[in-house]
């Protein structure tokens, strides 16, 4: 493993200014000037290498954001708390991936990406199964409540009592 980048040894305030200048699209010469104005010495080639790595990381970050946006949109369309939980978990996982990519020379291995994709697919399948089961339970409960209401009316119970029984069968949310 090579030595640490000269720019990574700079004080945090200067590195933040360098990163901001890169995001604004400043040239390497502008950034070298900025660093020298702050009393630090750095070569143009060191800034060029730092800029190249930063731009590659930004491209990966933007790609991860787009992928996450697609998955989050898909998962948030699912019913219930599980869909929202999966969406939030995905945000955390994507953040962790980005942190790993932006870390000290860490890279993501292809088998790790495949494992992540498989885990997300499995979670999505489990969520869909749960949503389908909950939907079927609600439907069956509504049918049972309707049957009880019909029988209660036949037995001569008041409409108010029938309504109360139906609400109790369905629960507060029915």
C-alpha atoms as a PDB file:
ATOM      1  CA  UNK A   1       0.000   0.000   0.000  1.00  0.00           C
ATOM      2  CA  UNK A   2       1.363   3.434  -0.951  1.00  0.00           C
ATOM      3  CA  UNK A   3       1.999   6.320   1.346  1.00  0.00           C
ATOM      4  CA  UNK A   4      -0.746   8.621   2.563  1.00  0.00           C
ATOM      5  CA  UNK A   5      -1.796  11.435   0.233  1.00  0.00           C
ATOM      6  CA  UNK A   6      -0.158  14.779   0.982  1.00  0.00           C
ATOM      7  CA  UNK A   7      -3.570  16.398   0.971  1.00  0.00           C
ATOM      8  CA  UNK A   8      -4.882  14.006   3.622  1.00  0.00           C
ATOM      9  CA  UNK A   9      -2.202  15.308   5.998  1.00  0.00           C
ATOM     10  CA  UNK A  10      -3.502  18.887   5.687  1.00  0.00           C
ATOM     11  CA  UNK A  11      -5.591  20.414   8.486  1.00  0.00           C
ATOM     12  CA  UNK A  12      -9.302  19.542   8.279  1.00  0.00           C
ATOM     13  CA  UNK A  13     -10.372  23.107   7.487  1.00  0.00           C
ATOM     14  CA  UNK A  14      -8.105  23.235   4.446  1.00  0.00           C
ATOM     15  CA  UNK A  15      -9.227  19.765   3.265  1.00  0.00           C
ATOM     16  CA  UNK A  16     -12.848  20.882   3.540  1.00  0.00           C
ATOM     17  CA  UNK A  17     -12.035  23.957   1.451  1.00  0.00           C
ATOM     18  CA  UNK A  18     -10.254  21.748  -1.120  1.00  0.00           C
ATOM     19  CA  UNK A  19     -13.218  19.366  -1.263  1.00  0.00           C
ATOM     20  CA  UNK A  20     -15.600  22.298  -1.696  1.00  0.00           C
ATOM     21  CA  UNK A  21     -13.416  23.713  -4.489  1.00  0.00           C
ATOM     22  CA  UNK A  22     -13.496  20.315  -6.230  1.00  0.00           C
ATOM     23  CA  UNK A  23     -17.301  20.179  -5.978  1.00  0.00           C
ATOM     24  CA  UNK A  24     -17.445  23.675  -7.479  1.00  0.00           C
ATOM     25  CA  UNK A  25     -15.316  22.507 -10.415  1.00  0.00           C
ATOM     26  CA  UNK A  26     -12.219  24.599  -9.625  1.00  0.00           C
ATOM     27  CA  UNK A  27      -9.042  23.806 -11.543  1.00  0.00           C
ATOM     28  CA  UNK A  28      -6.014  22.067 -10.078  1.00  0.00           C
ATOM     29  CA  UNK A  29      -4.082  25.345 -10.241  1.00  0.00           C
ATOM     30  CA  UNK A  30      -6.877  27.130  -8.323  1.00  0.00           C
ATOM     31  CA  UNK A  31      -6.745  24.464  -5.627  1.00  0.00           C
ATOM     32  CA  UNK A  32      -2.949  24.583  -5.388  1.00  0.00           C
ATOM     33  CA  UNK A  33      -3.246  28.367  -4.956  1.00  0.00           C
ATOM     34  CA  UNK A  34      -5.899  27.936  -2.266  1.00  0.00           C
ATOM     35  CA  UNK A  35      -3.700  25.544  -0.314  1.00  0.00           C
ATOM     36  CA  UNK A  36      -0.649  27.808  -0.603  1.00  0.00           C
ATOM     37  CA  UNK A  37      -2.712  30.827   0.523  1.00  0.00           C
ATOM     38  CA  UNK A  38      -3.359  28.875   3.712  1.00  0.00           C
ATOM     39  CA  UNK A  39       0.370  28.439   4.326  1.00  0.00           C
ATOM     40  CA  UNK A  40       0.710  24.833   3.201  1.00  0.00           C
ATOM     41  CA  UNK A  41       3.012  23.359   0.565  1.00  0.00           C
ATOM     42  CA  UNK A  42       1.687  20.822  -1.911  1.00  0.00           C
ATOM     43  CA  UNK A  43       2.626  19.728  -5.416  1.00  0.00           C
ATOM     44  CA  UNK A  44       0.336  20.130  -8.399  1.00  0.00           C
ATOM     45  CA  UNK A  45       0.540  16.388  -9.110  1.00  0.00           C
ATOM     46  CA  UNK A  46      -0.590  15.578  -5.545  1.00  0.00           C
ATOM     47  CA  UNK A  47      -3.648  17.787  -6.051  1.00  0.00           C
ATOM     48  CA  UNK A  48      -4.266  16.113  -9.410  1.00  0.00           C
ATOM     49  CA  UNK A  49      -4.177  12.631  -7.860  1.00  0.00           C
ATOM     50  CA  UNK A  50      -6.433  13.757  -5.011  1.00  0.00           C
ATOM     51  CA  UNK A  51      -8.880  15.336  -7.476  1.00  0.00           C
ATOM     52  CA  UNK A  52      -8.943  12.187  -9.613  1.00  0.00           C
ATOM     53  CA  UNK A  53      -9.774   9.969  -6.607  1.00  0.00           C
ATOM     54  CA  UNK A  54     -12.349  12.482  -5.328  1.00  0.00           C
ATOM     55  CA  UNK A  55     -14.074  12.627  -8.733  1.00  0.00           C
ATOM     56  CA  UNK A  56     -14.175   8.826  -8.967  1.00  0.00           C
ATOM     57  CA  UNK A  57     -15.673   8.621  -5.467  1.00  0.00           C
ATOM     58  CA  UNK A  58     -18.245  11.288  -6.334  1.00  0.00           C
ATOM     59  CA  UNK A  59     -19.261   9.341  -9.443  1.00  0.00           C
ATOM     60  CA  UNK A  60     -19.693   6.168  -7.366  1.00  0.00           C
ATOM     61  CA  UNK A  61     -21.625   8.119  -4.751  1.00  0.00           C
ATOM     62  CA  UNK A  62     -24.010   9.528  -7.380  1.00  0.00           C
ATOM     63  CA  UNK A  63     -24.507   6.060  -8.852  1.00  0.00           C
ATOM     64  CA  UNK A  64     -25.272   4.636  -5.383  1.00  0.00           C
ATOM     65  CA  UNK A  65     -27.747   7.469  -4.797  1.00  0.00           C
ATOM     66  CA  UNK A  66     -29.571   6.686  -8.043  1.00  0.00           C
ATOM     67  CA  UNK A  67     -29.744   2.983  -7.233  1.00  0.00           C
ATOM     68  CA  UNK A  68     -30.980   3.736  -3.718  1.00  0.00           C
ATOM     69  CA  UNK A  69     -33.591   6.142  -5.068  1.00  0.00           C
ATOM     70  CA  UNK A  70     -35.020   3.441  -7.357  1.00  0.00           C
ATOM     71  CA  UNK A  71     -35.151   0.848  -4.552  1.00  0.00           C
ATOM     72  CA  UNK A  72     -36.538   3.258  -1.950  1.00  0.00           C
ATOM     73  CA  UNK A  73     -39.288   4.368  -4.339  1.00  0.00           C
ATOM     74  CA  UNK A  74     -40.177   0.735  -5.042  1.00  0.00           C
ATOM     75  CA  UNK A  75     -40.149  -0.282  -1.378  1.00  0.00           C
ATOM     76  CA  UNK A  76     -42.099   2.746  -0.153  1.00  0.00           C
ATOM     77  CA  UNK A  77     -44.951   1.769  -2.477  1.00  0.00           C
ATOM     78  CA  UNK A  78     -45.380  -1.424  -0.473  1.00  0.00           C
ATOM     79  CA  UNK A  79     -47.969  -1.405   2.278  1.00  0.00           C
ATOM     80  CA  UNK A  80     -47.242  -1.394   5.963  1.00  0.00           C
ATOM     81  CA  UNK A  81     -44.379  -0.738   8.303  1.00  0.00           C
ATOM     82  CA  UNK A  82     -42.219  -3.486   6.807  1.00  0.00           C
ATOM     83  CA  UNK A  83     -41.914  -1.629   3.490  1.00  0.00           C
ATOM     84  CA  UNK A  84     -40.911   1.552   5.304  1.00  0.00           C
ATOM     85  CA  UNK A  85     -38.470  -0.391   7.485  1.00  0.00           C
ATOM     86  CA  UNK A  86     -36.856  -1.981   4.417  1.00  0.00           C
ATOM     87  CA  UNK A  87     -36.533   1.412   2.768  1.00  0.00           C
ATOM     88  CA  UNK A  88     -34.822   2.811   5.844  1.00  0.00           C
ATOM     89  CA  UNK A  89     -32.540  -0.232   6.073  1.00  0.00           C
ATOM     90  CA  UNK A  90     -31.587   0.261   2.447  1.00  0.00           C
ATOM     91  CA  UNK A  91     -30.658   3.877   3.122  1.00  0.00           C
ATOM     92  CA  UNK A  92     -28.376   2.740   5.950  1.00  0.00           C
ATOM     93  CA  UNK A  93     -26.766   0.035   3.804  1.00  0.00           C
ATOM     94  CA  UNK A  94     -26.148   2.471   0.951  1.00  0.00           C
ATOM     95  CA  UNK A  95     -24.650   4.965   3.399  1.00  0.00           C
ATOM     96  CA  UNK A  96     -22.331   2.243   4.732  1.00  0.00           C
ATOM     97  CA  UNK A  97     -21.267   1.356   1.186  1.00  0.00           C
ATOM     98  CA  UNK A  98     -20.519   4.980   0.424  1.00  0.00           C
ATOM     99  CA  UNK A  99     -18.560   5.311   3.671  1.00  0.00           C
ATOM    100  CA  UNK A 100     -16.528   2.225   2.755  1.00  0.00           C
ATOM    101  CA  UNK A 101     -15.796   3.582  -0.709  1.00  0.00           C
ATOM    102  CA  UNK A 102     -14.767   6.940   0.740  1.00  0.00           C
ATOM    103  CA  UNK A 103     -12.654   5.324   3.454  1.00  0.00           C
ATOM    104  CA  UNK A 104      -8.947   4.836   3.526  1.00  0.00           C
ATOM    105  CA  UNK A 105      -8.468   2.865   0.326  1.00  0.00           C
ATOM    106  CA  UNK A 106     -11.320   0.437   0.992  1.00  0.00           C
ATOM    107  CA  UNK A 107     -13.033  -1.157  -1.962  1.00  0.00           C
ATOM    108  CA  UNK A 108     -16.189  -3.189  -2.309  1.00  0.00           C
ATOM    109  CA  UNK A 109     -15.649  -6.707  -3.579  1.00  0.00           C
ATOM    110  CA  UNK A 110     -18.003  -8.123  -6.240  1.00  0.00           C
ATOM    111  CA  UNK A 111     -19.167 -10.952  -3.954  1.00  0.00           C
ATOM    112  CA  UNK A 112     -20.139  -8.363  -1.309  1.00  0.00           C
ATOM    113  CA  UNK A 113     -22.274  -6.496  -3.840  1.00  0.00           C
ATOM    114  CA  UNK A 114     -23.888  -9.784  -4.903  1.00  0.00           C
ATOM    115  CA  UNK A 115     -24.585 -10.708  -1.272  1.00  0.00           C
ATOM    116  CA  UNK A 116     -26.152  -7.297  -0.681  1.00  0.00           C
ATOM    117  CA  UNK A 117     -28.331  -7.618  -3.778  1.00  0.00           C
ATOM    118  CA  UNK A 118     -29.458 -11.110  -2.741  1.00  0.00           C
ATOM    119  CA  UNK A 119     -30.239  -9.955   0.797  1.00  0.00           C
ATOM    120  CA  UNK A 120     -32.296  -7.021  -0.504  1.00  0.00           C
ATOM    121  CA  UNK A 121     -34.152  -9.335  -2.922  1.00  0.00           C
ATOM    122  CA  UNK A 122     -34.873 -11.778  -0.076  1.00  0.00           C
ATOM    123  CA  UNK A 123     -36.101  -8.955   2.161  1.00  0.00           C
ATOM    124  CA  UNK A 124     -38.283  -7.627  -0.616  1.00  0.00           C
ATOM    125  CA  UNK A 125     -39.767 -11.090  -1.223  1.00  0.00           C
ATOM    126  CA  UNK A 126     -40.417 -11.552   2.494  1.00  0.00           C
ATOM    127  CA  UNK A 127     -42.076  -8.142   2.638  1.00  0.00           C
ATOM    128  CA  UNK A 128     -44.327  -8.910  -0.326  1.00  0.00           C
ATOM    129  CA  UNK A 129     -45.305 -12.242   1.247  1.00  0.00           C
ATOM    130  CA  UNK A 130     -46.142 -10.506   4.519  1.00  0.00           C
ATOM    131  CA  UNK A 131     -48.157  -7.796   2.766  1.00  0.00           C
ATOM    132  CA  UNK A 132     -50.069 -10.457   0.787  1.00  0.00           C
ATOM    133  CA  UNK A 133     -50.825 -12.424   3.982  1.00  0.00           C
ATOM    134  CA  UNK A 134     -51.978  -9.306   5.843  1.00  0.00           C
ATOM    135  CA  UNK A 135     -54.180  -8.358   2.905  1.00  0.00           C
ATOM    136  CA  UNK A 136     -55.771 -11.834   2.875  1.00  0.00           C
ATOM    137  CA  UNK A 137     -56.343 -11.709   6.642  1.00  0.00           C
ATOM    138  CA  UNK A 138     -58.034  -8.291   6.356  1.00  0.00           C
ATOM    139  CA  UNK A 139     -60.241  -9.574   3.528  1.00  0.00           C
ATOM    140  CA  UNK A 140     -61.257 -12.689   5.485  1.00  0.00           C
ATOM    141  CA  UNK A 141     -61.904 -10.598   8.583  1.00  0.00           C
ATOM    142  CA  UNK A 142     -64.135  -8.244   6.591  1.00  0.00           C
ATOM    143  CA  UNK A 143     -66.082 -11.222   5.185  1.00  0.00           C
ATOM    144  CA  UNK A 144     -66.500 -12.653   8.684  1.00  0.00           C
ATOM    145  CA  UNK A 145     -67.661  -9.267  10.002  1.00  0.00           C
ATOM    146  CA  UNK A 146     -70.215  -9.058   7.177  1.00  0.00           C
ATOM    147  CA  UNK A 147     -71.492 -12.588   7.994  1.00  0.00           C
ATOM    148  CA  UNK A 148     -71.807 -11.713  11.684  1.00  0.00           C
ATOM    149  CA  UNK A 149     -73.658  -8.498  10.814  1.00  0.00           C
ATOM    150  CA  UNK A 150     -76.109 -10.376   8.556  1.00  0.00           C
ATOM    151  CA  UNK A 151     -76.798 -12.991  11.247  1.00  0.00           C
ATOM    152  CA  UNK A 152     -77.162 -10.318  13.938  1.00  0.00           C
ATOM    153  CA  UNK A 153     -79.739  -8.465  11.824  1.00  0.00           C
ATOM    154  CA  UNK A 154     -81.647 -11.732  11.240  1.00  0.00           C
ATOM    155  CA  UNK A 155     -81.758 -12.252  15.007  1.00  0.00           C
ATOM    156  CA  UNK A 156     -83.415  -8.842  15.347  1.00  0.00           C
ATOM    157  CA  UNK A 157     -80.536  -6.822  16.830  1.00  0.00           C
ATOM    158  CA  UNK A 158     -80.657  -3.059  16.327  1.00  0.00           C
ATOM    159  CA  UNK A 159     -78.569  -1.480  13.573  1.00  0.00           C
ATOM    160  CA  UNK A 160     -76.494   0.296  16.236  1.00  0.00           C
ATOM    161  CA  UNK A 161     -75.706  -3.022  17.955  1.00  0.00           C
ATOM    162  CA  UNK A 162     -74.895  -4.667  14.608  1.00  0.00           C
ATOM    163  CA  UNK A 163     -72.528  -1.793  13.829  1.00  0.00           C
ATOM    164  CA  UNK A 164     -70.829  -2.130  17.225  1.00  0.00           C
ATOM    165  CA  UNK A 165     -70.381  -5.898  16.803  1.00  0.00           C
ATOM    166  CA  UNK A 166     -68.984  -5.414  13.295  1.00  0.00           C
ATOM    167  CA  UNK A 167     -66.498  -2.807  14.569  1.00  0.00           C
ATOM    168  CA  UNK A 168     -65.383  -5.148  17.345  1.00  0.00           C
ATOM    169  CA  UNK A 169     -64.835  -7.989  14.882  1.00  0.00           C
ATOM    170  CA  UNK A 170     -62.814  -5.731  12.573  1.00  0.00           C
ATOM    171  CA  UNK A 171     -60.976  -3.972  15.389  1.00  0.00           C
ATOM    172  CA  UNK A 172     -60.465  -0.232  15.732  1.00  0.00           C
ATOM    173  CA  UNK A 173     -58.935   0.098  12.244  1.00  0.00           C
ATOM    174  CA  UNK A 174     -61.823  -1.594  10.379  1.00  0.00           C
END
